[in-house]
Amino acid sequence: MRRFISVESKRLPGASTVHFDEIAKERIFASIDQAKTNSTELLRNAYRQLKFQLGRIPELQA
């Protein structure tokens, strides 16, 4: 997210274009920094959700 917000082209993946002023960027960066994206609990919940959606234990395929 930081990379997409920081890029001077102001383009996000997809069909949307968004312009962030400096105050908005600072607030977004602060929110990203405070988000617990490396939480083990988040990983466990994502695993459980994927298992439920697949209807089976997920497998690693190379």
C-alpha atoms as a PDB file:
ATOM      1  CA  MET A   1       0.000   0.000   0.000  1.00  0.00           C
ATOM      2  CA  ARG A   2       2.787   2.433   0.869  1.00  0.00           C
ATOM      3  CA  ARG A   3       4.371   1.934  -2.533  1.00  0.00           C
ATOM      4  CA  PHE A   4       1.114   2.601  -4.391  1.00  0.00           C
ATOM      5  CA  ILE A   5       0.353   5.697  -2.341  1.00  0.00           C
ATOM      6  CA  SER A   6       3.895   7.076  -2.667  1.00  0.00           C
ATOM      7  CA  VAL A   7       4.194   6.658  -6.436  1.00  0.00           C
ATOM      8  CA  GLU A   8       4.064   9.959  -8.256  1.00  0.00           C
ATOM      9  CA  SER A   9       1.790   8.561 -10.980  1.00  0.00           C
ATOM     10  CA  LYS A  10      -1.017   8.407  -8.377  1.00  0.00           C
ATOM     11  CA  ARG A  11      -2.387   5.209  -9.912  1.00  0.00           C
ATOM     12  CA  LEU A  12      -3.617   2.164  -8.068  1.00  0.00           C
ATOM     13  CA  PRO A  13      -3.944  -1.249  -9.709  1.00  0.00           C
ATOM     14  CA  GLY A  14      -7.227  -1.534 -11.552  1.00  0.00           C
ATOM     15  CA  ALA A  15      -9.348   1.044 -13.300  1.00  0.00           C
ATOM     16  CA  SER A  16      -9.272   3.693 -10.555  1.00  0.00           C
ATOM     17  CA  THR A  17      -7.154   6.807 -10.169  1.00  0.00           C
ATOM     18  CA  VAL A  18      -6.801   8.485  -6.790  1.00  0.00           C
ATOM     19  CA  HIS A  19      -4.996  11.670  -5.745  1.00  0.00           C
ATOM     20  CA  PHE A  20      -3.763  11.838  -2.149  1.00  0.00           C
ATOM     21  CA  ASP A  21      -2.821  15.188  -0.641  1.00  0.00           C
ATOM     22  CA  GLU A  22       0.034  15.259   1.886  1.00  0.00           C
ATOM     23  CA  ILE A  23      -2.234  15.187   4.949  1.00  0.00           C
ATOM     24  CA  ALA A  24      -4.135  12.184   3.592  1.00  0.00           C
ATOM     25  CA  LYS A  25      -0.838  10.391   2.836  1.00  0.00           C
ATOM     26  CA  GLU A  26       0.388  10.974   6.386  1.00  0.00           C
ATOM     27  CA  ARG A  27      -2.862   9.629   7.856  1.00  0.00           C
ATOM     28  CA  ILE A  28      -2.834   6.603   5.552  1.00  0.00           C
ATOM     29  CA  PHE A  29       0.801   5.834   6.394  1.00  0.00           C
ATOM     30  CA  ALA A  30       0.017   6.121  10.118  1.00  0.00           C
ATOM     31  CA  SER A  31      -2.902   3.700   9.716  1.00  0.00           C
ATOM     32  CA  ILE A  32      -0.741   1.240   7.771  1.00  0.00           C
ATOM     33  CA  ASP A  33       1.975   1.450  10.444  1.00  0.00           C
ATOM     34  CA  GLN A  34      -0.561   0.771  13.222  1.00  0.00           C
ATOM     35  CA  ALA A  35      -2.280  -2.105  11.401  1.00  0.00           C
ATOM     36  CA  LYS A  36      -1.350  -5.503  12.735  1.00  0.00           C
ATOM     37  CA  THR A  37      -0.759  -7.203   9.412  1.00  0.00           C
ATOM     38  CA  ASN A  38       1.804  -9.712  10.718  1.00  0.00           C
ATOM     39  CA  SER A  39      -0.404 -11.100  13.437  1.00  0.00           C
ATOM     40  CA  THR A  40      -0.434 -14.849  13.889  1.00  0.00           C
ATOM     41  CA  GLU A  41      -4.140 -14.631  14.672  1.00  0.00           C
ATOM     42  CA  LEU A  42      -4.803 -12.947  11.314  1.00  0.00           C
ATOM     43  CA  LEU A  43      -2.901 -15.743   9.580  1.00  0.00           C
ATOM     44  CA  ARG A  44      -4.890 -18.392  11.438  1.00  0.00           C
ATOM     45  CA  ASN A  45      -8.186 -16.712  10.563  1.00  0.00           C
ATOM     46  CA  ALA A  46      -7.181 -16.421   6.894  1.00  0.00           C
ATOM     47  CA  TYR A  47      -6.278 -20.137   6.895  1.00  0.00           C
ATOM     48  CA  ARG A  48      -9.603 -21.101   8.455  1.00  0.00           C
ATOM     49  CA  GLN A  49     -11.493 -18.965   5.965  1.00  0.00           C
ATOM     50  CA  LEU A  50      -9.639 -20.478   3.010  1.00  0.00           C
ATOM     51  CA  LYS A  51     -10.220 -23.991   4.380  1.00  0.00           C
ATOM     52  CA  PHE A  52     -13.941 -23.232   4.715  1.00  0.00           C
ATOM     53  CA  GLN A  53     -14.144 -21.763   1.190  1.00  0.00           C
ATOM     54  CA  LEU A  54     -12.325 -24.722  -0.355  1.00  0.00           C
ATOM     55  CA  GLY A  55     -14.191 -27.294   1.709  1.00  0.00           C
ATOM     56  CA  ARG A  56     -10.880 -29.052   2.399  1.00  0.00           C
ATOM     57  CA  ILE A  57      -7.427 -28.470   3.848  1.00  0.00           C
ATOM     58  CA  PRO A  58      -5.460 -26.147   1.524  1.00  0.00           C
ATOM     59  CA  GLU A  59      -2.483 -27.767  -0.218  1.00  0.00           C
ATOM     60  CA  LEU A  60       0.735 -26.261  -1.528  1.00  0.00           C
ATOM     61  CA  GLN A  61       1.052 -26.853  -5.268  1.00  0.00           C
ATOM     62  CA  ALA A  62       4.261 -26.073  -7.130  1.00  0.00           C
END
